[in-house]
Amino acid sequence: MNSDYIPWKILSATAQAGVLTEGWNLSESPSDPESCRQFTLTIPFAYPFSYPPVVQVGLTGFDIDQGTSSRLTTTVTNITAEAFDVVFNTWQNTLVYSAEVSWLAIGP
């Protein structure tokens, strides 16, 4: 058997952030209507990987004010063997009260 073999690990879950999350600022009206606002949520892995895994995130839910346009993006940053960050972005007059993502991480 090859001693260099490292088994692959697959982890997945959902994560949610919103007005009850400390620091959530996407539900606040911007002082500059053209400004972008973002909130970063750090998601720790239940079990650490040996190396930073590949992480896929999909937006699965949101609560956005009905009086404004729906503008919301998600980005994955700062992937380590122990955790990663999901960055929620909105802009102009959109008010986001909560957002939910499902994620999948695959790596050794």
Protein backbone atom coordinates (compact mmCIF):
# COMPACT_ATOMS: atom_id res chain seq x y z
CA MET A 1 0.00 0.00 0.00
CA ASN A 2 1.21 3.51 -0.82
CA SER A 3 2.24 5.33 2.38
CA ASP A 4 1.62 8.70 0.67
CA TYR A 5 -2.11 7.99 0.52
CA ILE A 6 -4.22 10.61 2.31
CA PRO A 7 -7.95 9.86 2.48
CA TRP A 8 -10.29 12.56 1.22
CA LYS A 9 -12.78 14.16 3.54
CA ILE A 10 -16.14 15.66 2.58
CA LEU A 11 -17.96 18.03 4.92
CA SER A 12 -21.14 20.01 4.29
CA ALA A 13 -23.69 22.06 6.21
CA THR A 14 -25.79 25.18 6.08
CA ALA A 15 -25.01 28.49 7.75
CA GLN A 16 -27.17 31.52 8.37
CA ALA A 17 -26.51 35.09 9.45
CA GLY A 18 -28.81 38.04 9.90
CA VAL A 19 -30.07 40.80 12.15
CA LEU A 20 -29.54 38.64 15.25
CA THR A 21 -25.88 38.06 14.28
CA GLU A 22 -23.42 40.44 15.95
CA GLY A 23 -22.07 42.97 13.46
CA TRP A 24 -24.73 42.33 10.76
CA ASN A 25 -24.90 45.59 8.82
CA LEU A 26 -26.75 44.64 5.64
CA SER A 27 -30.14 45.65 7.06
CA GLU A 28 -29.02 49.24 7.69
CA SER A 29 -29.82 51.97 5.18
CA PRO A 30 -26.55 53.19 3.69
CA SER A 31 -25.52 56.81 4.16
CA ASP A 32 -24.30 56.80 0.54
CA PRO A 33 -26.90 55.14 -1.75
CA GLU A 34 -24.14 53.99 -4.13
CA SER A 35 -22.07 52.31 -1.42
CA CYS A 36 -21.47 48.59 -1.07
CA ARG A 37 -21.89 46.85 2.27
CA GLN A 38 -20.53 43.48 3.29
CA PHE A 39 -20.62 41.08 6.21
CA THR A 40 -18.13 38.28 6.78
CA LEU A 41 -19.14 35.04 8.48
CA THR A 42 -16.38 32.65 9.56
CA ILE A 43 -17.39 28.99 9.31
CA PRO A 44 -15.21 26.49 11.19
CA PHE A 45 -15.01 22.91 10.00
CA ALA A 46 -16.27 20.25 12.42
CA TYR A 47 -13.06 18.32 11.68
CA PRO A 48 -9.92 19.98 10.30
CA PHE A 49 -8.54 19.02 6.92
CA SER A 50 -4.86 18.20 6.32
CA TYR A 51 -4.66 21.02 3.77
CA PRO A 52 -7.07 23.77 2.71
CA PRO A 53 -9.97 22.06 0.89
CA VAL A 54 -11.97 23.17 -2.11
CA VAL A 55 -15.11 24.94 -0.86
CA GLN A 56 -18.33 25.46 -2.83
CA VAL A 57 -21.04 27.76 -1.46
CA GLY A 58 -24.57 28.30 -2.73
CA LEU A 59 -27.11 30.88 -1.59
CA THR A 60 -30.14 28.91 -0.35
CA GLY A 61 -32.27 31.54 1.33
CA PHE A 62 -32.63 35.20 2.18
CA ASP A 63 -34.97 37.74 3.72
CA ILE A 64 -34.82 41.02 1.80
CA ASP A 65 -37.00 44.09 2.26
CA GLN A 66 -39.86 44.02 -0.25
CA GLY A 67 -39.62 47.76 -0.92
CA THR A 68 -36.15 47.54 -2.46
CA SER A 69 -34.47 45.60 -5.24
CA SER A 70 -32.98 42.25 -4.29
CA ARG A 71 -29.19 42.51 -4.51
CA LEU A 72 -27.09 39.89 -2.72
CA THR A 73 -23.91 38.02 -3.58
CA THR A 74 -21.75 35.54 -1.68
CA THR A 75 -18.03 34.94 -1.96
CA VAL A 76 -15.73 32.42 -0.27
CA THR A 77 -12.42 33.75 1.08
CA ASN A 78 -9.66 32.82 3.53
CA ILE A 79 -9.92 29.05 3.14
CA THR A 80 -7.69 27.23 5.64
CA ALA A 81 -7.57 23.65 6.89
CA GLU A 82 -9.70 24.72 9.89
CA ALA A 83 -12.25 27.23 8.52
CA PHE A 84 -13.31 29.58 5.73
CA ASP A 85 -15.12 32.90 5.39
CA VAL A 86 -18.33 33.59 3.51
CA VAL A 87 -18.69 37.24 2.52
CA PHE A 88 -22.23 38.51 1.93
CA ASN A 89 -22.39 41.65 -0.24
CA THR A 90 -25.20 44.04 -1.06
CA TRP A 91 -25.32 47.55 -2.49
CA GLN A 92 -27.44 50.60 -3.14
CA ASN A 93 -30.68 50.69 -1.11
CA THR A 94 -31.15 46.92 -0.67
CA LEU A 95 -31.88 45.89 2.92
CA VAL A 96 -31.00 42.28 3.73
CA TYR A 97 -32.38 40.95 7.03
CA SER A 98 -30.85 37.47 6.77
CA ALA A 99 -29.11 35.13 4.36
CA GLU A 100 -28.44 31.40 4.32
CA VAL A 101 -25.87 29.35 2.42
CA SER A 102 -25.22 25.66 1.95
CA TRP A 103 -21.59 24.70 1.64
CA LEU A 104 -19.52 21.70 0.63
CA ALA A 105 -15.81 21.25 1.36
CA ILE A 106 -13.70 18.49 -0.20
CA GLY A 107 -10.05 17.85 0.56
CA PRO A 108 -7.49 15.68 2.29
